[in-house]
């Protein structure tokens, strides 16, 4: 993402993109939507995430298409 900030900055919910990218480069950071879209774009393939709905006994499959 750092090499292509202009392509992904609209996905980042922070005014300071450099600070956000530094925070996300830490080993303890979890991927957010913007990183998953960036990864899908990098490999030019969709990425599927299975996630549980909060306070529900069901899960959903989310598809992230490359940009």
PDB file of N, CA and C in Angstrom:
ATOM      1  N   UNK A   1       0.821  -1.187   0.000  1.00  0.00           N
ATOM      2  CA  UNK A   1       0.000   0.000   0.000  1.00  0.00           C
ATOM      3  C   UNK A   1       0.865   1.250   0.000  1.00  0.00           C
ATOM      4  N   UNK A   2       1.985   1.182   0.675  1.00  0.00           N
ATOM      5  CA  UNK A   2       2.839   2.355   0.768  1.00  0.00           C
ATOM      6  C   UNK A   2       3.374   2.771  -0.602  1.00  0.00           C
ATOM      7  N   UNK A   3       3.600   1.809  -1.470  1.00  0.00           N
ATOM      8  CA  UNK A   3       4.105   2.112  -2.813  1.00  0.00           C
ATOM      9  C   UNK A   3       3.030   2.687  -3.727  1.00  0.00           C
ATOM     10  N   UNK A   4       1.751   2.494  -3.364  1.00  0.00           N
ATOM     11  CA  UNK A   4       0.634   2.942  -4.208  1.00  0.00           C
ATOM     12  C   UNK A   4      -0.414   3.661  -3.360  1.00  0.00           C
ATOM     13  N   UNK A   5       0.037   4.616  -2.566  1.00  0.00           N
ATOM     14  CA  UNK A   5      -0.846   5.312  -1.628  1.00  0.00           C
ATOM     15  C   UNK A   5      -2.061   5.915  -2.333  1.00  0.00           C
ATOM     16  N   UNK A   6      -1.873   6.530  -3.474  1.00  0.00           N
ATOM     17  CA  UNK A   6      -2.998   7.183  -4.166  1.00  0.00           C
ATOM     18  C   UNK A   6      -4.108   6.201  -4.541  1.00  0.00           C
ATOM     19  N   UNK A   7      -3.743   4.968  -4.824  1.00  0.00           N
ATOM     20  CA  UNK A   7      -4.744   3.970  -5.218  1.00  0.00           C
ATOM     21  C   UNK A   7      -5.583   3.484  -4.043  1.00  0.00           C
ATOM     22  N   UNK A   8      -5.038   3.561  -2.819  1.00  0.00           N
ATOM     23  CA  UNK A   8      -5.727   2.979  -1.668  1.00  0.00           C
ATOM     24  C   UNK A   8      -6.102   3.968  -0.570  1.00  0.00           C
ATOM     25  N   UNK A   9      -5.662   5.223  -0.660  1.00  0.00           N
ATOM     26  CA  UNK A   9      -5.910   6.157   0.448  1.00  0.00           C
ATOM     27  C   UNK A   9      -7.397   6.404   0.686  1.00  0.00           C
ATOM     28  N   UNK A  10      -8.233   6.240  -0.340  1.00  0.00           N
ATOM     29  CA  UNK A  10      -9.673   6.428  -0.145  1.00  0.00           C
ATOM     30  C   UNK A  10     -10.288   5.319   0.721  1.00  0.00           C
ATOM     31  N   UNK A  11      -9.571   4.219   0.915  1.00  0.00           N
ATOM     32  CA  UNK A  11     -10.055   3.122   1.758  1.00  0.00           C
ATOM     33  C   UNK A  11      -9.638   3.272   3.216  1.00  0.00           C
ATOM     34  N   UNK A  12      -8.759   4.221   3.498  1.00  0.00           N
ATOM     35  CA  UNK A  12      -8.205   4.387   4.848  1.00  0.00           C
ATOM     36  C   UNK A  12      -9.015   5.439   5.596  1.00  0.00           C
ATOM     37  N   UNK A  13      -9.526   5.062   6.777  1.00  0.00           N
ATOM     38  CA  UNK A  13     -10.352   5.957   7.590  1.00  0.00           C
ATOM     39  C   UNK A  13      -9.504   6.810   8.528  1.00  0.00           C
ATOM     40  N   UNK A  14      -8.450   7.382   8.004  1.00  0.00           N
ATOM     41  CA  UNK A  14      -7.560   8.208   8.811  1.00  0.00           C
ATOM     42  C   UNK A  14      -7.086   9.367   7.952  1.00  0.00           C
ATOM     43  N   UNK A  15      -6.970  10.529   8.581  1.00  0.00           N
ATOM     44  CA  UNK A  15      -6.494  11.687   7.828  1.00  0.00           C
ATOM     45  C   UNK A  15      -4.992  11.605   7.582  1.00  0.00           C
ATOM     46  N   UNK A  16      -4.262  10.970   8.484  1.00  0.00           N
ATOM     47  CA  UNK A  16      -2.817  10.853   8.340  1.00  0.00           C
ATOM     48  C   UNK A  16      -2.484   9.463   7.809  1.00  0.00           C
ATOM     49  N   UNK A  17      -2.368   9.345   6.492  1.00  0.00           N
ATOM     50  CA  UNK A  17      -2.147   8.054   5.847  1.00  0.00           C
ATOM     51  C   UNK A  17      -0.800   7.456   6.257  1.00  0.00           C
ATOM     52  N   UNK A  18       0.232   8.275   6.349  1.00  0.00           N
ATOM     53  CA  UNK A  18       1.560   7.772   6.737  1.00  0.00           C
ATOM     54  C   UNK A  18       1.539   7.171   8.136  1.00  0.00           C
ATOM     55  N   UNK A  19       0.852   7.839   9.063  1.00  0.00           N
ATOM     56  CA  UNK A  19       0.741   7.332  10.436  1.00  0.00           C
ATOM     57  C   UNK A  19      -0.037   6.011  10.458  1.00  0.00           C
ATOM     58  N   UNK A  20      -1.112   5.948   9.685  1.00  0.00           N
ATOM     59  CA  UNK A  20      -1.919   4.730   9.601  1.00  0.00           C
ATOM     60  C   UNK A  20      -1.074   3.566   9.074  1.00  0.00           C
ATOM     61  N   UNK A  21      -0.326   3.801   7.989  1.00  0.00           N
ATOM     62  CA  UNK A  21       0.500   2.744   7.412  1.00  0.00           C
ATOM     63  C   UNK A  21       1.584   2.291   8.380  1.00  0.00           C
ATOM     64  N   UNK A  22       2.132   3.227   9.152  1.00  0.00           N
ATOM     65  CA  UNK A  22       3.125   2.842  10.160  1.00  0.00           C
ATOM     66  C   UNK A  22       2.475   1.948  11.229  1.00  0.00           C
ATOM     67  N   UNK A  23       1.291   2.341  11.697  1.00  0.00           N
ATOM     68  CA  UNK A  23       0.577   1.541  12.707  1.00  0.00           C
ATOM     69  C   UNK A  23       0.289   0.138  12.178  1.00  0.00           C
ATOM     70  N   UNK A  24      -0.126   0.042  10.929  1.00  0.00           N
ATOM     71  CA  UNK A  24      -0.483  -1.250  10.360  1.00  0.00           C
ATOM     72  C   UNK A  24       0.737  -2.112  10.025  1.00  0.00           C
ATOM     73  N   UNK A  25       1.923  -1.525  10.013  1.00  0.00           N
ATOM     74  CA  UNK A  25       3.134  -2.302   9.730  1.00  0.00           C
ATOM     75  C   UNK A  25       3.653  -3.029  10.963  1.00  0.00           C
ATOM     76  N   UNK A  26       3.054  -2.775  12.120  1.00  0.00           N
ATOM     77  CA  UNK A  26       3.482  -3.429  13.356  1.00  0.00           C
ATOM     78  C   UNK A  26       3.017  -4.888  13.369  1.00  0.00           C
ATOM     79  N   UNK A  27       3.805  -5.751  13.990  1.00  0.00           N
ATOM     80  CA  UNK A  27       3.488  -7.186  14.037  1.00  0.00           C
ATOM     81  C   UNK A  27       2.163  -7.486  14.729  1.00  0.00           C
ATOM     82  N   UNK A  28       1.728  -6.612  15.611  1.00  0.00           N
ATOM     83  CA  UNK A  28       0.502  -6.874  16.378  1.00  0.00           C
ATOM     84  C   UNK A  28      -0.758  -6.341  15.691  1.00  0.00           C
ATOM     85  N   UNK A  29      -0.622  -5.740  14.516  1.00  0.00           N
ATOM     86  CA  UNK A  29      -1.777  -5.155  13.818  1.00  0.00           C
ATOM     87  C   UNK A  29      -2.530  -6.222  13.026  1.00  0.00           C
ATOM     88  N   UNK A  30      -3.848  -6.120  13.048  1.00  0.00           N
ATOM     89  CA  UNK A  30      -4.709  -6.999  12.267  1.00  0.00           C
ATOM     90  C   UNK A  30      -5.075  -6.297  10.968  1.00  0.00           C
ATOM     91  N   UNK A  31      -5.239  -7.054   9.915  1.00  0.00           N
ATOM     92  CA  UNK A  31      -5.624  -6.473   8.618  1.00  0.00           C
ATOM     93  C   UNK A  31      -7.025  -5.891   8.704  1.00  0.00           C
ATOM     94  N   UNK A  32      -7.190  -4.755   8.077  1.00  0.00           N
ATOM     95  CA  UNK A  32      -8.494  -4.121   7.962  1.00  0.00           C
ATOM     96  C   UNK A  32      -8.934  -4.210   6.503  1.00  0.00           C
ATOM     97  N   UNK A  33     -10.083  -3.664   6.208  1.00  0.00           N
ATOM     98  CA  UNK A  33     -10.633  -3.745   4.859  1.00  0.00           C
ATOM     99  C   UNK A  33      -9.652  -3.254   3.805  1.00  0.00           C
ATOM    100  N   UNK A  34      -8.987  -2.143   4.064  1.00  0.00           N
ATOM    101  CA  UNK A  34      -8.076  -1.574   3.069  1.00  0.00           C
ATOM    102  C   UNK A  34      -6.923  -2.513   2.751  1.00  0.00           C
ATOM    103  N   UNK A  35      -6.386  -3.213   3.748  1.00  0.00           N
ATOM    104  CA  UNK A  35      -5.284  -4.150   3.507  1.00  0.00           C
ATOM    105  C   UNK A  35      -5.751  -5.372   2.725  1.00  0.00           C
ATOM    106  N   UNK A  36      -6.981  -5.806   2.969  1.00  0.00           N
ATOM    107  CA  UNK A  36      -7.499  -6.963   2.243  1.00  0.00           C
ATOM    108  C   UNK A  36      -7.741  -6.596   0.773  1.00  0.00           C
ATOM    109  N   UNK A  37      -8.293  -5.408   0.527  1.00  0.00           N
ATOM    110  CA  UNK A  37      -8.444  -4.951  -0.862  1.00  0.00           C
ATOM    111  C   UNK A  37      -7.088  -4.802  -1.545  1.00  0.00           C
ATOM    112  N   UNK A  38      -6.104  -4.283  -0.830  1.00  0.00           N
ATOM    113  CA  UNK A  38      -4.764  -4.122  -1.409  1.00  0.00           C
ATOM    114  C   UNK A  38      -4.168  -5.482  -1.762  1.00  0.00           C
ATOM    115  N   UNK A  39      -4.342  -6.464  -0.883  1.00  0.00           N
ATOM    116  CA  UNK A  39      -3.822  -7.804  -1.159  1.00  0.00           C
ATOM    117  C   UNK A  39      -4.529  -8.429  -2.357  1.00  0.00           C
ATOM    118  N   UNK A  40      -5.844  -8.290  -2.430  1.00  0.00           N
ATOM    119  CA  UNK A  40      -6.599  -8.829  -3.567  1.00  0.00           C
ATOM    120  C   UNK A  40      -6.166  -8.168  -4.873  1.00  0.00           C
ATOM    121  N   UNK A  41      -5.901  -6.875  -4.807  1.00  0.00           N
ATOM    122  CA  UNK A  41      -5.447  -6.152  -5.990  1.00  0.00           C
ATOM    123  C   UNK A  41      -4.051  -6.588  -6.394  1.00  0.00           C
ATOM    124  N   UNK A  42      -3.189  -6.791  -5.416  1.00  0.00           N
ATOM    125  CA  UNK A  42      -1.815  -7.197  -5.702  1.00  0.00           C
ATOM    126  C   UNK A  42      -1.765  -8.551  -6.412  1.00  0.00           C
ATOM    127  N   UNK A  43      -2.589  -9.497  -5.972  1.00  0.00           N
ATOM    128  CA  UNK A  43      -2.565 -10.838  -6.579  1.00  0.00           C
ATOM    129  C   UNK A  43      -3.611 -10.987  -7.696  1.00  0.00           C
ATOM    130  N   UNK A  44      -4.414  -9.928  -7.908  1.00  0.00           N
ATOM    131  CA  UNK A  44      -5.446  -9.923  -8.944  1.00  0.00           C
ATOM    132  C   UNK A  44      -6.400 -11.113  -8.824  1.00  0.00           C
ATOM    133  N   UNK A  45      -6.776 -11.410  -7.591  1.00  0.00           N
ATOM    134  CA  UNK A  45      -7.705 -12.494  -7.287  1.00  0.00           C
ATOM    135  C   UNK A  45      -8.611 -12.056  -6.135  1.00  0.00           C
ATOM    136  N   UNK A  46      -9.843 -12.554  -6.100  1.00  0.00           N
ATOM    137  CA  UNK A  46     -10.697 -12.235  -4.955  1.00  0.00           C
ATOM    138  C   UNK A  46     -10.201 -12.947  -3.695  1.00  0.00           C
ATOM    139  N   UNK A  47     -10.468 -12.333  -2.559  1.00  0.00           N
ATOM    140  CA  UNK A  47     -10.146 -12.935  -1.264  1.00  0.00           C
ATOM    141  C   UNK A  47     -11.459 -13.102  -0.523  1.00  0.00           C
ATOM    142  N   UNK A  48     -11.670 -14.282   0.028  1.00  0.00           N
ATOM    143  CA  UNK A  48     -12.881 -14.582   0.773  1.00  0.00           C
ATOM    144  C   UNK A  48     -12.554 -14.657   2.258  1.00  0.00           C
ATOM    145  N   UNK A  49     -13.375 -14.014   3.075  1.00  0.00           N
ATOM    146  CA  UNK A  49     -13.201 -14.010   4.529  1.00  0.00           C
ATOM    147  C   UNK A  49     -14.487 -14.565   5.143  1.00  0.00           C
ATOM    148  N   UNK A  50     -14.353 -15.580   5.966  1.00  0.00           N
ATOM    149  CA  UNK A  50     -15.492 -16.123   6.702  1.00  0.00           C
ATOM    150  C   UNK A  50     -15.487 -15.465   8.072  1.00  0.00           C
ATOM    151  N   UNK A  51     -16.570 -14.802   8.406  1.00  0.00           N
ATOM    152  CA  UNK A  51     -16.626 -14.065   9.661  1.00  0.00           C
ATOM    153  C   UNK A  51     -17.944 -14.327  10.380  1.00  0.00           C
ATOM    154  N   UNK A  52     -17.883 -14.311  11.699  1.00  0.00           N
ATOM    155  CA  UNK A  52     -19.089 -14.518  12.493  1.00  0.00           C
ATOM    156  C   UNK A  52     -19.737 -13.173  12.772  1.00  0.00           C
ATOM    157  N   UNK A  53     -21.047 -13.137  12.663  1.00  0.00           N
ATOM    158  CA  UNK A  53     -21.792 -11.931  12.957  1.00  0.00           C
ATOM    159  C   UNK A  53     -21.854 -11.755  14.466  1.00  0.00           C
ATOM    160  N   UNK A  54     -21.550 -10.553  14.931  1.00  0.00           N
ATOM    161  CA  UNK A  54     -21.553 -10.268  16.365  1.00  0.00           C
ATOM    162  C   UNK A  54     -22.911 -10.601  16.972  1.00  0.00           C
ATOM    163  N   UNK A  55     -22.885 -11.298  18.107  1.00  0.00           N
ATOM    164  CA  UNK A  55     -24.086 -11.678  18.857  1.00  0.00           C
ATOM    165  C   UNK A  55     -25.056 -12.548  18.051  1.00  0.00           C
ATOM    166  N   UNK A  56     -24.528 -13.325  17.123  1.00  0.00           N
ATOM    167  CA  UNK A  56     -25.377 -14.214  16.332  1.00  0.00           C
ATOM    168  C   UNK A  56     -24.690 -15.575  16.221  1.00  0.00           C
ATOM    169  N   UNK A  57     -25.471 -16.563  15.933  1.00  0.00           N
ATOM    170  CA  UNK A  57     -24.922 -17.910  15.779  1.00  0.00           C
ATOM    171  C   UNK A  57     -24.741 -18.254  14.313  1.00  0.00           C
ATOM    172  N   UNK A  58     -24.460 -17.264  13.512  1.00  0.00           N
ATOM    173  CA  UNK A  58     -24.297 -17.486  12.083  1.00  0.00           C
ATOM    174  C   UNK A  58     -23.039 -16.785  11.580  1.00  0.00           C
ATOM    175  N   UNK A  59     -22.546 -17.263  10.484  1.00  0.00           N
ATOM    176  CA  UNK A  59     -21.368 -16.665   9.862  1.00  0.00           C
ATOM    177  C   UNK A  59     -21.711 -16.240   8.449  1.00  0.00           C
ATOM    178  N   UNK A  60     -20.937 -15.320   7.926  1.00  0.00           N
ATOM    179  CA  UNK A  60     -21.127 -14.890   6.545  1.00  0.00           C
ATOM    180  C   UNK A  60     -19.786 -14.972   5.815  1.00  0.00           C
ATOM    181  N   UNK A  61     -19.868 -15.154   4.529  1.00  0.00           N
ATOM    182  CA  UNK A  61     -18.688 -15.186   3.681  1.00  0.00           C
ATOM    183  C   UNK A  61     -18.634 -13.853   2.929  1.00  0.00           C
ATOM    184  N   UNK A  62     -17.546 -13.115   3.121  1.00  0.00           N
ATOM    185  CA  UNK A  62     -17.386 -11.809   2.485  1.00  0.00           C
ATOM    186  C   UNK A  62     -16.349 -11.933   1.375  1.00  0.00           C
ATOM    187  N   UNK A  63     -16.697 -11.421   0.197  1.00  0.00           N
ATOM    188  CA  UNK A  63     -15.789 -11.468  -0.950  1.00  0.00           C
ATOM    189  C   UNK A  63     -15.208 -10.084  -1.191  1.00  0.00           C
ATOM    190  N   UNK A  64     -13.880  -9.999  -1.234  1.00  0.00           N
ATOM    191  CA  UNK A  64     -13.177  -8.753  -1.550  1.00  0.00           C
ATOM    192  C   UNK A  64     -12.615  -8.903  -2.962  1.00  0.00           C
ATOM    193  N   UNK A  65     -13.156  -8.141  -3.910  1.00  0.00           N
ATOM    194  CA  UNK A  65     -12.676  -8.181  -5.286  1.00  0.00           C
ATOM    195  C   UNK A  65     -11.521  -7.206  -5.441  1.00  0.00           C
ATOM    196  N   UNK A  66     -10.603  -7.520  -6.340  1.00  0.00           N
ATOM    197  CA  UNK A  66      -9.488  -6.606  -6.579  1.00  0.00           C
ATOM    198  C   UNK A  66      -9.996  -5.330  -7.221  1.00  0.00           C
ATOM    199  N   UNK A  67      -9.283  -4.240  -6.995  1.00  0.00           N
ATOM    200  CA  UNK A  67      -9.681  -2.940  -7.522  1.00  0.00           C
ATOM    201  C   UNK A  67      -9.216  -2.769  -8.945  1.00  0.00           C
TER     202      UNK A  67
END
